[in-house]
N, C-alpha and C. Protein backbone atom coordinates (compact mmCIF):
# COMPACT_ATOMS: atom_id res chain seq x y z
N UNK A 1 -0.54 -22.38 -2.90
CA UNK A 1 0.26 -21.33 -2.26
C UNK A 1 1.70 -21.84 -2.19
N UNK A 2 2.63 -20.96 -2.46
CA UNK A 2 4.03 -21.34 -2.33
C UNK A 2 4.73 -20.41 -1.35
N UNK A 3 5.92 -20.81 -0.97
CA UNK A 3 6.69 -20.11 0.04
C UNK A 3 7.05 -18.69 -0.39
N UNK A 4 7.27 -18.48 -1.68
CA UNK A 4 7.65 -17.15 -2.17
C UNK A 4 6.54 -16.13 -1.93
N UNK A 5 5.29 -16.55 -2.11
CA UNK A 5 4.16 -15.64 -1.85
C UNK A 5 4.09 -15.28 -0.37
N UNK A 6 4.33 -16.26 0.48
CA UNK A 6 4.33 -15.99 1.92
C UNK A 6 5.43 -15.01 2.30
N UNK A 7 6.60 -15.20 1.71
CA UNK A 7 7.73 -14.33 2.01
C UNK A 7 7.47 -12.89 1.56
N UNK A 8 6.56 -12.69 0.63
CA UNK A 8 6.24 -11.36 0.12
C UNK A 8 5.19 -10.63 0.96
N UNK A 9 4.60 -11.30 1.94
CA UNK A 9 3.50 -10.72 2.72
C UNK A 9 3.88 -9.38 3.35
N UNK A 10 4.98 -9.35 4.09
CA UNK A 10 5.40 -8.11 4.76
C UNK A 10 5.68 -7.00 3.75
N UNK A 11 6.32 -7.35 2.64
CA UNK A 11 6.63 -6.36 1.62
C UNK A 11 5.36 -5.79 1.00
N UNK A 12 4.37 -6.64 0.81
CA UNK A 12 3.11 -6.18 0.22
C UNK A 12 2.36 -5.26 1.18
N UNK A 13 2.39 -5.56 2.47
CA UNK A 13 1.72 -4.67 3.43
C UNK A 13 2.44 -3.32 3.46
N UNK A 14 3.76 -3.34 3.37
CA UNK A 14 4.52 -2.09 3.32
C UNK A 14 4.19 -1.30 2.06
N UNK A 15 4.06 -2.01 0.95
CA UNK A 15 3.73 -1.35 -0.32
C UNK A 15 2.34 -0.72 -0.27
N UNK A 16 1.40 -1.40 0.38
CA UNK A 16 0.05 -0.83 0.52
C UNK A 16 0.10 0.48 1.29
N UNK A 17 0.84 0.49 2.39
CA UNK A 17 0.97 1.73 3.17
C UNK A 17 1.61 2.84 2.34
N UNK A 18 2.63 2.48 1.56
CA UNK A 18 3.28 3.45 0.70
C UNK A 18 2.31 4.00 -0.34
N UNK A 19 1.51 3.12 -0.94
CA UNK A 19 0.54 3.55 -1.95
C UNK A 19 -0.52 4.46 -1.32
N UNK A 20 -0.96 4.13 -0.11
CA UNK A 20 -1.96 4.96 0.56
C UNK A 20 -1.43 6.37 0.82
N UNK A 21 -0.19 6.48 1.25
CA UNK A 21 0.37 7.81 1.48
C UNK A 21 0.57 8.55 0.16
N UNK A 22 0.94 7.83 -0.87
CA UNK A 22 1.10 8.44 -2.20
C UNK A 22 -0.25 8.93 -2.73
N UNK A 23 -1.31 8.17 -2.50
CA UNK A 23 -2.64 8.59 -2.94
C UNK A 23 -3.06 9.86 -2.22
N UNK A 24 -2.78 9.94 -0.92
CA UNK A 24 -3.10 11.16 -0.17
C UNK A 24 -2.33 12.37 -0.71
N UNK A 25 -1.05 12.17 -0.98
CA UNK A 25 -0.24 13.25 -1.54
C UNK A 25 -0.80 13.72 -2.88
N UNK A 26 -1.17 12.76 -3.69
CA UNK A 26 -1.65 13.08 -5.03
C UNK A 26 -3.01 13.79 -4.97
N UNK A 27 -3.85 13.42 -4.00
CA UNK A 27 -5.14 14.09 -3.84
C UNK A 27 -4.93 15.56 -3.48
N UNK A 28 -3.97 15.82 -2.61
CA UNK A 28 -3.68 17.20 -2.24
C UNK A 28 -3.14 17.98 -3.44
N UNK A 29 -2.35 17.30 -4.25
CA UNK A 29 -1.79 17.94 -5.44
C UNK A 29 -2.89 18.31 -6.43
N UNK A 30 -3.91 17.48 -6.53
CA UNK A 30 -5.02 17.72 -7.46
C UNK A 30 -5.86 18.91 -7.03
N UNK A 31 -5.88 19.23 -5.75
CA UNK A 31 -6.71 20.30 -5.22
C UNK A 31 -5.98 21.64 -5.14
N UNK A 32 -4.76 21.71 -5.60
CA UNK A 32 -4.02 22.97 -5.56
C UNK A 32 -4.66 23.99 -6.50
N UNK A 33 -4.75 25.20 -6.01
CA UNK A 33 -5.31 26.28 -6.82
C UNK A 33 -4.20 26.96 -7.61
N UNK A 34 -4.58 27.44 -8.78
CA UNK A 34 -3.67 28.25 -9.58
C UNK A 34 -4.29 29.64 -9.70
N UNK A 35 -3.45 30.63 -9.85
CA UNK A 35 -3.98 31.99 -9.99
C UNK A 35 -3.17 32.74 -11.03
N UNK A 36 -3.80 33.78 -11.54
CA UNK A 36 -3.15 34.61 -12.53
C UNK A 36 -3.78 36.00 -12.43
N UNK A 37 -3.21 36.94 -13.12
CA UNK A 37 -3.78 38.28 -13.14
C UNK A 37 -4.04 38.69 -14.58
N UNK A 38 -5.07 39.48 -14.75
CA UNK A 38 -5.40 40.03 -16.06
C UNK A 38 -5.62 41.53 -15.89
N UNK A 39 -5.57 42.25 -16.98
CA UNK A 39 -5.82 43.69 -16.95
C UNK A 39 -7.24 43.93 -17.44
N UNK A 40 -7.94 44.80 -16.75
CA UNK A 40 -9.30 45.16 -17.13
C UNK A 40 -9.55 46.62 -16.83
N UNK A 41 -10.71 47.08 -17.20
CA UNK A 41 -11.04 48.47 -16.91
C UNK A 41 -12.46 48.55 -16.38
N UNK A 42 -12.79 49.68 -15.80
CA UNK A 42 -14.15 49.88 -15.32
C UNK A 42 -15.09 49.97 -16.51
N UNK A 43 -16.34 49.66 -16.27
CA UNK A 43 -17.30 49.65 -17.38
C UNK A 43 -17.80 51.06 -17.73
N UNK A 44 -17.53 52.01 -16.88
CA UNK A 44 -18.00 53.38 -17.15
C UNK A 44 -16.81 54.31 -17.37
N UNK A 45 -17.10 55.42 -17.98
CA UNK A 45 -16.08 56.43 -18.23
C UNK A 45 -15.47 56.88 -16.91
N UNK A 46 -14.24 57.02 -16.73
CA UNK A 46 -13.09 57.18 -17.61
C UNK A 46 -12.38 55.88 -17.93
N UNK A 47 -13.04 54.73 -17.76
CA UNK A 47 -12.45 53.43 -18.13
C UNK A 47 -11.07 53.23 -17.52
N UNK A 48 -10.99 53.36 -16.24
CA UNK A 48 -9.73 53.23 -15.52
C UNK A 48 -9.25 51.77 -15.57
N UNK A 49 -8.02 51.60 -15.99
CA UNK A 49 -7.45 50.25 -16.09
C UNK A 49 -6.97 49.79 -14.71
N UNK A 50 -7.21 48.51 -14.41
CA UNK A 50 -6.73 47.95 -13.14
C UNK A 50 -6.45 46.45 -13.31
N UNK A 51 -5.80 45.88 -12.32
CA UNK A 51 -5.44 44.46 -12.36
C UNK A 51 -6.52 43.65 -11.66
N UNK A 52 -6.88 42.51 -12.27
CA UNK A 52 -7.88 41.61 -11.70
C UNK A 52 -7.21 40.25 -11.48
N UNK A 53 -7.35 39.72 -10.29
CA UNK A 53 -6.76 38.42 -9.99
C UNK A 53 -7.83 37.34 -10.16
N UNK A 54 -7.46 36.28 -10.89
CA UNK A 54 -8.38 35.17 -11.08
C UNK A 54 -7.74 33.91 -10.50
N UNK A 55 -8.55 33.05 -9.89
CA UNK A 55 -8.06 31.80 -9.31
C UNK A 55 -8.96 30.66 -9.74
N UNK A 56 -8.40 29.48 -9.72
CA UNK A 56 -9.17 28.30 -10.09
C UNK A 56 -8.31 27.06 -10.00
N UNK A 57 -8.85 25.98 -10.48
CA UNK A 57 -8.15 24.70 -10.46
C UNK A 57 -7.72 24.36 -11.88
N UNK A 58 -6.48 23.93 -12.02
CA UNK A 58 -5.96 23.51 -13.32
C UNK A 58 -6.58 22.15 -13.66
N UNK A 59 -7.58 22.17 -14.53
CA UNK A 59 -8.33 20.95 -14.84
C UNK A 59 -7.49 19.90 -15.57
N UNK A 60 -6.56 20.33 -16.41
CA UNK A 60 -5.69 19.37 -17.10
C UNK A 60 -4.82 18.62 -16.09
N UNK A 61 -4.26 19.38 -15.15
CA UNK A 61 -3.44 18.77 -14.12
C UNK A 61 -4.28 17.84 -13.25
N UNK A 62 -5.48 18.28 -12.90
CA UNK A 62 -6.37 17.47 -12.07
C UNK A 62 -6.70 16.14 -12.76
N UNK A 63 -6.94 16.19 -14.06
CA UNK A 63 -7.26 14.98 -14.81
C UNK A 63 -6.06 14.03 -14.84
N UNK A 64 -4.86 14.56 -15.05
CA UNK A 64 -3.65 13.72 -15.05
C UNK A 64 -3.43 13.09 -13.68
N UNK A 65 -3.62 13.90 -12.64
CA UNK A 65 -3.44 13.41 -11.27
C UNK A 65 -4.48 12.33 -10.95
N UNK A 66 -5.71 12.53 -11.39
CA UNK A 66 -6.76 11.53 -11.14
C UNK A 66 -6.48 10.22 -11.87
N UNK A 67 -5.90 10.29 -13.08
CA UNK A 67 -5.53 9.08 -13.81
C UNK A 67 -4.47 8.29 -13.04
N UNK A 68 -3.46 9.01 -12.54
CA UNK A 68 -2.40 8.35 -11.75
C UNK A 68 -3.01 7.77 -10.47
N UNK A 69 -3.89 8.52 -9.84
CA UNK A 69 -4.54 8.06 -8.60
C UNK A 69 -5.33 6.78 -8.84
N UNK A 70 -6.05 6.71 -9.94
CA UNK A 70 -6.82 5.51 -10.28
C UNK A 70 -5.90 4.30 -10.43
N UNK A 71 -4.76 4.49 -11.09
CA UNK A 71 -3.81 3.40 -11.27
C UNK A 71 -3.26 2.92 -9.93
N UNK A 72 -2.97 3.87 -9.03
CA UNK A 72 -2.48 3.51 -7.70
C UNK A 72 -3.54 2.74 -6.92
N UNK A 73 -4.78 3.15 -7.03
CA UNK A 73 -5.88 2.47 -6.34
C UNK A 73 -6.04 1.05 -6.88
N UNK A 74 -5.90 0.88 -8.17
CA UNK A 74 -6.00 -0.47 -8.77
C UNK A 74 -4.88 -1.36 -8.25
N UNK A 75 -3.66 -0.80 -8.18
CA UNK A 75 -2.53 -1.58 -7.63
C UNK A 75 -2.77 -1.95 -6.18
N UNK A 76 -3.28 -1.00 -5.40
CA UNK A 76 -3.55 -1.25 -3.98
C UNK A 76 -4.61 -2.33 -3.82
N UNK A 77 -5.64 -2.29 -4.63
CA UNK A 77 -6.71 -3.29 -4.57
C UNK A 77 -6.17 -4.67 -4.92
N UNK A 78 -5.31 -4.75 -5.92
CA UNK A 78 -4.72 -6.04 -6.30
C UNK A 78 -3.87 -6.59 -5.15
N UNK A 79 -3.14 -5.72 -4.48
CA UNK A 79 -2.33 -6.16 -3.34
C UNK A 79 -3.22 -6.67 -2.20
N UNK A 80 -4.32 -5.99 -1.95
CA UNK A 80 -5.26 -6.46 -0.92
C UNK A 80 -5.81 -7.84 -1.26
N UNK A 81 -6.09 -8.07 -2.55
CA UNK A 81 -6.58 -9.39 -2.96
C UNK A 81 -5.52 -10.47 -2.73
N UNK A 82 -4.26 -10.14 -3.00
CA UNK A 82 -3.17 -11.09 -2.77
C UNK A 82 -3.01 -11.39 -1.28
N UNK A 83 -3.13 -10.36 -0.44
CA UNK A 83 -3.05 -10.57 1.01
C UNK A 83 -4.21 -11.43 1.50
N UNK A 84 -5.38 -11.20 0.94
CA UNK A 84 -6.55 -11.99 1.32
C UNK A 84 -6.36 -13.46 0.93
N UNK A 85 -5.75 -13.69 -0.22
CA UNK A 85 -5.45 -15.05 -0.67
C UNK A 85 -4.50 -15.74 0.32
N UNK A 86 -3.49 -15.01 0.77
CA UNK A 86 -2.53 -15.56 1.74
C UNK A 86 -3.24 -15.86 3.06
N UNK A 87 -4.08 -14.93 3.53
CA UNK A 87 -4.81 -15.14 4.78
C UNK A 87 -5.73 -16.36 4.67
N UNK A 88 -6.39 -16.53 3.54
CA UNK A 88 -7.26 -17.71 3.35
C UNK A 88 -6.44 -19.00 3.37
N UNK A 89 -5.26 -18.94 2.78
CA UNK A 89 -4.39 -20.12 2.81
C UNK A 89 -4.01 -20.48 4.24
N UNK A 90 -3.63 -19.48 5.02
CA UNK A 90 -3.23 -19.72 6.41
C UNK A 90 -4.38 -20.35 7.20
N UNK A 91 -5.60 -19.84 6.98
CA UNK A 91 -6.77 -20.41 7.65
C UNK A 91 -7.01 -21.85 7.25
N UNK A 92 -6.64 -22.21 6.03
CA UNK A 92 -6.91 -23.57 5.54
C UNK A 92 -5.88 -24.60 6.01
N UNK A 93 -4.76 -24.15 6.57
CA UNK A 93 -3.72 -25.06 7.05
C UNK A 93 -4.25 -25.78 8.30
N UNK A 94 -4.20 -27.09 8.26
CA UNK A 94 -4.75 -27.89 9.37
C UNK A 94 -3.79 -27.99 10.55
N UNK A 95 -2.50 -28.06 10.30
CA UNK A 95 -1.50 -28.24 11.36
C UNK A 95 -1.32 -26.93 12.14
N UNK A 96 -1.62 -26.97 13.43
CA UNK A 96 -1.57 -25.77 14.27
C UNK A 96 -0.16 -25.19 14.35
N UNK A 97 0.84 -26.06 14.49
CA UNK A 97 2.22 -25.55 14.59
C UNK A 97 2.64 -24.84 13.31
N UNK A 98 2.27 -25.39 12.18
CA UNK A 98 2.60 -24.77 10.91
C UNK A 98 1.92 -23.40 10.80
N UNK A 99 0.65 -23.34 11.19
CA UNK A 99 -0.07 -22.05 11.18
C UNK A 99 0.63 -21.03 12.07
N UNK A 100 1.03 -21.47 13.27
CA UNK A 100 1.71 -20.56 14.19
C UNK A 100 3.04 -20.07 13.61
N UNK A 101 3.80 -21.00 13.04
CA UNK A 101 5.10 -20.64 12.45
C UNK A 101 4.89 -19.64 11.30
N UNK A 102 3.93 -19.92 10.44
CA UNK A 102 3.66 -19.01 9.31
C UNK A 102 3.26 -17.64 9.82
N UNK A 103 2.38 -17.61 10.80
CA UNK A 103 1.92 -16.33 11.36
C UNK A 103 3.07 -15.54 11.96
N UNK A 104 3.89 -16.20 12.78
CA UNK A 104 4.97 -15.50 13.46
C UNK A 104 6.09 -15.08 12.50
N UNK A 105 6.46 -15.98 11.60
CA UNK A 105 7.59 -15.70 10.72
C UNK A 105 7.21 -14.80 9.54
N UNK A 106 6.17 -15.17 8.82
CA UNK A 106 5.88 -14.48 7.56
C UNK A 106 4.91 -13.30 7.71
N UNK A 107 4.04 -13.37 8.70
CA UNK A 107 3.10 -12.26 8.88
C UNK A 107 3.68 -11.21 9.83
N UNK A 108 4.21 -11.67 10.98
CA UNK A 108 4.76 -10.73 11.95
C UNK A 108 6.24 -10.42 11.72
N UNK A 109 6.93 -11.26 10.94
CA UNK A 109 8.31 -10.99 10.58
C UNK A 109 9.35 -11.32 11.64
N UNK A 110 9.04 -12.23 12.54
CA UNK A 110 10.00 -12.60 13.60
C UNK A 110 11.15 -13.42 13.04
N UNK A 111 12.27 -13.40 13.74
CA UNK A 111 13.42 -14.23 13.39
C UNK A 111 13.10 -15.69 13.72
N UNK A 112 13.79 -16.62 13.04
CA UNK A 112 13.52 -18.04 13.22
C UNK A 112 13.70 -18.47 14.68
N UNK A 113 14.73 -17.98 15.34
CA UNK A 113 14.97 -18.39 16.74
C UNK A 113 13.82 -17.97 17.65
N UNK A 114 13.29 -16.77 17.45
CA UNK A 114 12.16 -16.29 18.27
C UNK A 114 10.89 -17.09 17.96
N UNK A 115 10.73 -17.44 16.67
CA UNK A 115 9.57 -18.26 16.28
C UNK A 115 9.63 -19.60 16.99
N UNK A 116 10.81 -20.23 16.95
CA UNK A 116 10.97 -21.54 17.60
C UNK A 116 10.74 -21.44 19.10
N UNK A 117 11.21 -20.39 19.71
CA UNK A 117 11.01 -20.20 21.14
C UNK A 117 9.52 -20.11 21.47
N UNK A 118 8.77 -19.38 20.68
CA UNK A 118 7.33 -19.22 20.94
C UNK A 118 6.56 -20.51 20.66
N UNK A 119 6.91 -21.21 19.58
CA UNK A 119 6.14 -22.39 19.18
C UNK A 119 6.58 -23.64 19.92
N UNK A 120 7.89 -23.85 20.02
CA UNK A 120 8.41 -25.09 20.60
C UNK A 120 8.92 -24.92 22.03
N UNK A 121 9.22 -23.72 22.44
CA UNK A 121 9.71 -23.50 23.79
C UNK A 121 11.22 -23.49 23.92
N UNK A 122 11.94 -23.64 22.83
CA UNK A 122 13.39 -23.55 22.85
C UNK A 122 13.85 -22.80 21.59
N UNK A 123 14.96 -22.05 21.71
CA UNK A 123 15.36 -21.14 20.63
C UNK A 123 16.21 -21.75 19.53
N UNK A 124 15.79 -22.85 18.95
CA UNK A 124 16.52 -23.43 17.83
C UNK A 124 15.68 -23.22 16.57
N UNK A 125 16.02 -22.21 15.81
CA UNK A 125 15.25 -21.84 14.64
C UNK A 125 15.24 -22.87 13.54
N UNK A 126 16.20 -23.79 13.54
CA UNK A 126 16.25 -24.82 12.50
C UNK A 126 15.01 -25.70 12.53
N UNK A 127 14.50 -25.98 13.71
CA UNK A 127 13.33 -26.85 13.84
C UNK A 127 12.13 -26.24 13.12
N UNK A 128 11.86 -24.98 13.37
CA UNK A 128 10.72 -24.30 12.75
C UNK A 128 10.93 -24.17 11.25
N UNK A 129 12.12 -23.79 10.85
CA UNK A 129 12.42 -23.63 9.42
C UNK A 129 12.25 -24.94 8.67
N UNK A 130 12.76 -26.03 9.24
CA UNK A 130 12.65 -27.34 8.59
C UNK A 130 11.20 -27.81 8.53
N UNK A 131 10.42 -27.50 9.56
CA UNK A 131 9.01 -27.88 9.59
C UNK A 131 8.27 -27.22 8.41
N UNK A 132 8.57 -25.95 8.17
CA UNK A 132 7.94 -25.23 7.05
C UNK A 132 8.41 -25.78 5.71
N UNK A 133 9.71 -26.05 5.58
CA UNK A 133 10.24 -26.61 4.33
C UNK A 133 9.56 -27.94 4.01
N UNK A 134 9.43 -28.82 5.02
CA UNK A 134 8.77 -30.11 4.82
C UNK A 134 7.31 -29.93 4.44
N UNK A 135 6.64 -28.99 5.10
CA UNK A 135 5.23 -28.73 4.82
C UNK A 135 5.03 -28.35 3.36
N UNK A 136 5.88 -27.46 2.84
CA UNK A 136 5.71 -27.01 1.46
C UNK A 136 6.20 -28.05 0.44
N UNK A 137 7.11 -28.93 0.83
CA UNK A 137 7.52 -30.02 -0.06
C UNK A 137 6.38 -31.01 -0.23
N UNK A 138 5.69 -31.29 0.86
CA UNK A 138 4.58 -32.25 0.83
C UNK A 138 3.37 -31.68 0.09
N UNK A 139 3.20 -30.39 0.14
CA UNK A 139 2.00 -29.76 -0.46
C UNK A 139 2.06 -29.67 -1.95
């Protein structure tokens, strides 16, 4: 695991939410009905002509939408696997302070000063930042 993957955690969770809303939008789009009118007549004499309205689902559009939806689901699944990999890495870290710093900074997105205040009890973000830099240099 490297620092760049950790820094991407928040962005990936945001992207998952965006993909989920896009999938919902696309599902609604696939279920839209189309309608048209045709001219017909009665089956018996005097064969009076009248308009008939027909409705249905545009199957070509539905197929295109489903293809896009499948691609979005594949992307979302890949992102979930990447998040799971990051979570497994965090669980494997033995140093409690490092785990806390990673959780607060990269998972919750706190500023360095707030992270230092929570972990060390004083608001000097350099301490927490340097601890993480050293951890990843050694790894």
